[in-house]
């Protein structure tokens, strides 16, 4: 008779299947990569099947792995529903909520107010993943994600969360030294700060092209927070969201005709979007951006 498969081994398998790499999965769940590799080999030996193929990019599911993934995801969904049904107090949320957001939005708006949501739900563990790039709700890497563009595929539900505005900024010190830019002088007379083109995680970040297709930054960073610090220090000028730059007295808006419109999209997995903790966070986030719409749009 086959021995029961430990749930922990299945959870490690699920993490690798979603992340696509053992090292990435290990970082996400806080387990040593060597340990995960050993557990996967044990799981494959127990099942008598190869679950992953090793490629240059990482681990790719085999046909047997795809079949197991469908079963394990169904088990996890059932486990989550049982956990929520078993809560003694219907107003109490517990468990883990993982939210993936862009670095700027996560740092300048959500992080500033997340204490309010955490205070409402003290038994809930909350992971705020605010970075250059996103975890994938479709792969169940996150319970919810705030993306810069609407997903075109995957088992997800997406809704527009909020519009936001970006403008061109410089420091007073920079303007004193280099003068106020115009469309005629910006390319030749000014240093531009922006993203590293080959490290862009979304085409929505190509801001300078909307001012002039010939513009390109000469001082570059993958971090919008680093760009904001560079601009405030007088290193150059660049495009920043109003919710980052609008309240900073060290920054001055230049070329007022430049106004770039973008939107945030709230994305959840269709199988977990009705979990109470996900519904609660979604409602709180919509409430937050509604209250701070002027901070987002600059209007």
Protein backbone atom coordinates (compact mmCIF):
# COMPACT_ATOMS: atom_id res chain seq x y z
CA UNK A 1 0.00 0.00 0.00
CA UNK A 2 1.31 3.44 -0.93
CA UNK A 3 2.31 5.62 2.00
CA UNK A 4 0.32 8.89 2.40
CA UNK A 5 2.07 11.84 0.80
CA UNK A 6 3.04 14.52 3.36
CA UNK A 7 1.09 17.74 2.78
CA UNK A 8 4.30 19.72 3.26
CA UNK A 9 5.90 17.99 0.27
CA UNK A 10 2.86 18.83 -1.84
CA UNK A 11 3.02 22.46 -0.75
CA UNK A 12 6.68 22.61 -1.79
CA UNK A 13 5.75 21.06 -5.14
CA UNK A 14 3.03 23.69 -5.54
CA UNK A 15 5.44 26.53 -4.76
CA UNK A 16 7.94 25.33 -7.37
CA UNK A 17 5.22 24.77 -9.97
CA UNK A 18 4.00 28.34 -9.52
CA UNK A 19 7.42 29.99 -9.28
CA UNK A 20 9.05 28.00 -12.07
CA UNK A 21 12.34 27.81 -10.17
CA UNK A 22 13.36 26.02 -6.99
CA UNK A 23 15.44 28.98 -5.82
CA UNK A 24 12.59 31.44 -6.39
CA UNK A 25 10.11 29.18 -4.60
CA UNK A 26 12.52 28.79 -1.69
CA UNK A 27 12.82 32.57 -1.33
CA UNK A 28 9.06 33.01 -1.42
CA UNK A 29 8.22 30.43 1.25
CA UNK A 30 11.33 30.84 3.39
CA UNK A 31 12.74 27.32 2.99
CA UNK A 32 16.26 26.38 1.94
CA UNK A 33 16.46 25.45 -1.77
CA UNK A 34 18.40 22.27 -0.97
CA UNK A 35 15.58 21.17 1.33
CA UNK A 36 12.97 21.75 -1.33
CA UNK A 37 15.02 19.81 -3.88
CA UNK A 38 15.32 16.87 -1.47
CA UNK A 39 11.58 16.89 -0.79
CA UNK A 40 10.78 16.97 -4.51
CA UNK A 41 13.00 13.95 -5.14
CA UNK A 42 11.28 12.16 -2.27
CA UNK A 43 7.87 13.03 -3.70
CA UNK A 44 8.84 11.80 -7.17
CA UNK A 45 10.16 8.55 -5.71
CA UNK A 46 6.97 8.05 -3.70
CA UNK A 47 4.75 8.67 -6.76
CA UNK A 48 7.01 6.85 -9.20
CA UNK A 49 6.88 9.76 -11.65
CA UNK A 50 9.05 12.65 -12.82
CA UNK A 51 7.25 15.88 -12.00
CA UNK A 52 9.63 18.50 -13.44
CA UNK A 53 12.01 18.83 -16.34
CA UNK A 54 15.14 20.87 -15.70
CA UNK A 55 15.64 23.66 -18.27
CA UNK A 56 17.93 26.66 -18.52
CA UNK A 57 15.11 28.84 -17.16
CA UNK A 58 14.24 26.53 -14.26
CA UNK A 59 11.73 23.77 -13.56
CA UNK A 60 9.00 22.95 -16.13
CA UNK A 61 6.14 20.61 -15.27
CA UNK A 62 5.94 17.26 -17.00
CA UNK A 63 2.60 15.73 -17.95
CA UNK A 64 2.55 13.90 -14.61
CA UNK A 65 3.39 17.16 -12.88
CA UNK A 66 0.50 18.95 -14.60
CA UNK A 67 -1.92 16.25 -13.40
CA UNK A 68 -0.59 16.50 -9.84
CA UNK A 69 -0.76 20.32 -9.93
CA UNK A 70 -4.49 20.22 -10.71
CA UNK A 71 -5.07 17.87 -7.77
CA UNK A 72 -2.93 19.82 -5.31
CA UNK A 73 -4.53 23.18 -6.25
CA UNK A 74 -7.97 21.63 -5.68
CA UNK A 75 -6.78 20.37 -2.28
CA UNK A 76 -5.47 23.80 -1.32
CA UNK A 77 -8.71 25.52 -2.32
CA UNK A 78 -10.65 23.02 -0.21
CA UNK A 79 -8.26 23.57 2.70
CA UNK A 80 -8.72 27.33 2.51
CA UNK A 81 -12.50 27.03 2.45
CA UNK A 82 -12.45 24.65 5.43
CA UNK A 83 -10.20 27.03 7.35
CA UNK A 84 -12.54 29.94 6.80
CA UNK A 85 -15.66 27.90 7.60
CA UNK A 86 -14.11 26.78 10.87
CA UNK A 87 -13.50 30.25 12.21
CA UNK A 88 -15.39 30.65 15.45
CA UNK A 89 -15.92 34.37 15.09
CA UNK A 90 -17.29 35.27 11.68
CA UNK A 91 -15.78 38.75 12.00
CA UNK A 92 -12.29 37.34 12.58
CA UNK A 93 -9.97 36.78 9.63
CA UNK A 94 -6.89 34.60 9.99
CA UNK A 95 -4.34 32.91 7.80
CA UNK A 96 -1.99 34.47 5.26
CA UNK A 97 -2.82 37.24 2.79
CA UNK A 98 -0.12 37.94 0.18
CA UNK A 99 -0.46 41.08 -1.92
CA UNK A 100 1.79 41.99 -4.87
CA UNK A 101 1.99 45.66 -5.88
CA UNK A 102 4.32 47.96 -7.79
CA UNK A 103 7.14 49.45 -5.76
CA UNK A 104 5.91 53.04 -5.89
CA UNK A 105 2.24 52.36 -5.16
CA UNK A 106 3.14 49.87 -2.44
CA UNK A 107 5.61 52.22 -0.73
CA UNK A 108 3.87 55.56 -1.05
CA UNK A 109 0.22 54.67 -0.60
CA UNK A 110 -0.45 51.15 0.65
CA UNK A 111 2.40 50.93 3.18
CA UNK A 112 1.40 54.30 4.64
CA UNK A 113 -2.12 53.07 5.41
CA UNK A 114 -1.83 49.28 5.73
CA UNK A 115 -1.73 49.58 9.51
CA UNK A 116 -5.45 50.41 9.33
CA UNK A 117 -6.30 47.10 7.61
CA UNK A 118 -3.95 45.19 9.92
CA UNK A 119 -5.60 46.76 12.99
CA UNK A 120 -9.01 45.67 11.75
CA UNK A 121 -7.78 42.08 11.30
CA UNK A 122 -5.12 41.40 13.95
CA UNK A 123 -5.16 37.61 13.44
CA UNK A 124 -4.27 37.94 9.76
CA UNK A 125 -0.67 37.64 8.55
CA UNK A 126 -0.11 40.08 5.67
CA UNK A 127 2.71 39.92 3.10
CA UNK A 128 3.14 43.16 1.14
CA UNK A 129 5.37 42.38 -1.84
CA UNK A 130 6.25 45.82 -3.21
CA UNK A 131 8.95 45.45 -5.84
CA UNK A 132 9.97 46.03 -9.45
CA UNK A 133 7.90 43.20 -10.92
CA UNK A 134 4.88 41.26 -9.76
CA UNK A 135 3.92 37.92 -8.32
CA UNK A 136 1.31 36.17 -10.41
CA UNK A 137 -2.27 35.70 -9.15
CA UNK A 138 -2.91 33.27 -12.02
CA UNK A 139 -0.16 31.00 -10.62
CA UNK A 140 -1.45 31.60 -7.09
CA UNK A 141 1.81 33.31 -6.10
CA UNK A 142 -0.28 36.11 -4.58
CA UNK A 143 -3.85 36.42 -3.33
CA UNK A 144 -4.20 39.82 -4.98
CA UNK A 145 -2.05 41.98 -7.22
CA UNK A 146 -2.22 45.60 -8.30
CA UNK A 147 -0.88 45.62 -11.86
CA UNK A 148 -0.08 48.36 -14.35
CA UNK A 149 -2.03 46.72 -17.15
CA UNK A 150 -5.03 44.41 -17.43
CA UNK A 151 -4.03 40.74 -17.86
CA UNK A 152 -5.02 39.33 -21.23
CA UNK A 153 -5.15 35.68 -20.16
CA UNK A 154 -5.21 33.36 -17.17
CA UNK A 155 -7.73 32.20 -14.56
CA UNK A 156 -8.04 35.67 -13.03
CA UNK A 157 -10.59 38.40 -12.47
CA UNK A 158 -9.38 41.95 -13.14
CA UNK A 159 -11.04 45.26 -12.44
CA UNK A 160 -9.81 48.82 -12.82
CA UNK A 161 -8.77 50.08 -9.42
CA UNK A 162 -7.82 53.71 -10.05
CA UNK A 163 -6.42 56.16 -12.55
CA UNK A 164 -3.20 57.99 -11.70
CA UNK A 165 -1.19 60.79 -13.24
CA UNK A 166 2.53 61.23 -13.90
CA UNK A 167 4.34 64.50 -14.55
CA UNK A 168 7.83 65.79 -15.20
CA UNK A 169 9.76 66.97 -12.12
CA UNK A 170 13.10 68.49 -11.18
CA UNK A 171 14.60 69.94 -8.02
CA UNK A 172 14.87 73.70 -7.45
CA UNK A 173 18.64 73.35 -7.25
CA UNK A 174 18.76 71.60 -10.62
CA UNK A 175 16.62 74.29 -12.25
CA UNK A 176 18.81 77.03 -10.77
CA UNK A 177 21.86 75.40 -12.34
CA UNK A 178 20.45 74.28 -15.69
CA UNK A 179 17.40 76.46 -16.35
CA UNK A 180 13.80 75.53 -17.02
CA UNK A 181 13.38 72.96 -19.81
CA UNK A 182 11.19 73.37 -22.88
CA UNK A 183 10.39 70.91 -25.63
CA UNK A 184 13.10 72.56 -27.69
CA UNK A 185 15.83 72.28 -25.03
CA UNK A 186 15.00 69.20 -22.98
CA UNK A 187 16.91 66.69 -25.11
CA UNK A 188 20.10 68.70 -25.61
CA UNK A 189 20.43 70.66 -22.37
CA UNK A 190 19.16 68.39 -19.62
CA UNK A 191 20.02 65.08 -17.97
CA UNK A 192 17.04 62.73 -17.88
CA UNK A 193 16.42 60.10 -15.21
CA UNK A 194 14.32 57.00 -15.91
CA UNK A 195 14.04 53.24 -16.09
CA UNK A 196 16.62 50.82 -17.51
CA UNK A 197 15.01 49.86 -20.84
CA UNK A 198 15.92 46.16 -20.87
CA UNK A 199 14.76 45.73 -17.25
CA UNK A 200 11.28 47.16 -17.72
CA UNK A 201 8.65 44.83 -16.31
CA UNK A 202 5.78 46.58 -18.10
CA UNK A 203 5.52 48.62 -21.34
CA UNK A 204 3.39 51.08 -19.33
CA UNK A 205 6.66 52.39 -17.83
CA UNK A 206 7.93 53.90 -21.10
CA UNK A 207 7.07 57.44 -20.04
CA UNK A 208 9.67 59.56 -21.80
CA UNK A 209 8.59 58.36 -25.24
CA UNK A 210 5.23 60.02 -24.66
CA UNK A 211 6.96 63.39 -24.22
CA UNK A 212 9.22 62.91 -27.24
CA UNK A 213 10.09 59.59 -28.96
CA UNK A 214 13.72 60.72 -29.15
CA UNK A 215 14.14 61.13 -25.38
CA UNK A 216 16.08 58.56 -23.40
CA UNK A 217 17.44 58.64 -19.84
CA UNK A 218 21.19 58.79 -19.22
CA UNK A 219 20.84 58.15 -15.47
CA UNK A 220 18.80 54.99 -15.03
CA UNK A 221 17.41 52.80 -12.26
CA UNK A 222 14.99 49.88 -12.05
CA UNK A 223 13.57 51.49 -8.88
CA UNK A 224 11.04 54.33 -9.01
CA UNK A 225 11.98 55.21 -5.43
CA UNK A 226 15.63 55.53 -6.43
CA UNK A 227 14.61 57.69 -9.38
CA UNK A 228 12.63 59.96 -7.05
CA UNK A 229 15.64 60.34 -4.75
CA UNK A 230 17.92 61.08 -7.70
CA UNK A 231 15.59 63.76 -9.02
CA UNK A 232 15.17 65.34 -5.57
CA UNK A 233 18.97 65.39 -5.13
CA UNK A 234 19.39 67.52 -8.26
CA UNK A 235 20.93 64.79 -10.43
CA UNK A 236 18.50 65.41 -13.29
CA UNK A 237 14.83 65.52 -14.18
CA UNK A 238 12.36 62.72 -14.74
CA UNK A 239 8.78 61.50 -14.80
CA UNK A 240 7.22 60.60 -11.45
CA UNK A 241 3.69 59.72 -10.29
CA UNK A 242 1.90 62.59 -8.59
CA UNK A 243 1.33 60.42 -5.52
CA UNK A 244 5.13 60.30 -5.05
CA UNK A 245 6.20 63.77 -6.14
CA UNK A 246 3.15 65.98 -5.62
CA UNK A 247 3.67 66.42 -1.90
CA UNK A 248 7.47 66.71 -1.96
CA UNK A 249 8.56 70.35 -1.45
CA UNK A 250 11.99 69.53 -2.93
CA UNK A 251 10.43 68.80 -6.32
CA UNK A 252 9.08 71.26 -8.87
CA UNK A 253 6.81 70.38 -11.75
CA UNK A 254 8.27 71.44 -15.09
CA UNK A 255 6.75 71.59 -18.59
CA UNK A 256 3.16 71.68 -17.24
CA UNK A 257 1.79 70.53 -20.58
CA UNK A 258 3.30 67.10 -19.85
CA UNK A 259 0.68 64.93 -18.16
CA UNK A 260 0.74 61.16 -18.56
CA UNK A 261 -2.29 59.05 -17.64
CA UNK A 262 -2.06 55.48 -16.37
CA UNK A 263 -4.26 53.07 -14.40
CA UNK A 264 -3.90 50.43 -11.70
CA UNK A 265 -5.71 47.09 -12.11
CA UNK A 266 -6.75 44.91 -9.18
CA UNK A 267 -6.32 41.23 -10.06
CA UNK A 268 -7.33 38.14 -8.09
CA UNK A 269 -7.51 34.44 -8.92
CA UNK A 270 -11.03 33.42 -9.84
CA UNK A 271 -10.93 30.42 -7.47
CA UNK A 272 -9.91 32.40 -4.38
CA UNK A 273 -11.38 35.86 -4.93
CA UNK A 274 -14.39 34.96 -2.74
CA UNK A 275 -12.26 33.99 0.26
CA UNK A 276 -13.20 36.31 3.09
CA UNK A 277 -9.70 37.67 3.60
CA UNK A 278 -9.39 38.47 -0.12
CA UNK A 279 -12.82 40.11 -0.22
CA UNK A 280 -11.97 42.16 2.87
CA UNK A 281 -8.70 43.39 1.40
CA UNK A 282 -10.32 44.20 -1.93
CA UNK A 283 -13.01 46.28 -0.23
CA UNK A 284 -10.45 48.07 1.95
CA UNK A 285 -8.22 48.86 -1.03
CA UNK A 286 -11.09 50.27 -3.09
CA UNK A 287 -12.04 52.42 -0.12
CA UNK A 288 -8.42 53.59 0.23
CA UNK A 289 -7.98 54.70 -3.39
CA UNK A 290 -11.39 56.38 -3.35
CA UNK A 291 -10.34 58.48 -0.35
CA UNK A 292 -7.01 59.34 -1.95
CA UNK A 293 -8.12 59.87 -5.54
CA UNK A 294 -6.78 63.45 -5.54
CA UNK A 295 -3.37 62.18 -4.42
CA UNK A 296 -3.36 59.71 -7.32
CA UNK A 297 -4.60 61.99 -10.07
CA UNK A 298 -3.36 65.38 -8.90
CA UNK A 299 -6.79 66.87 -9.50
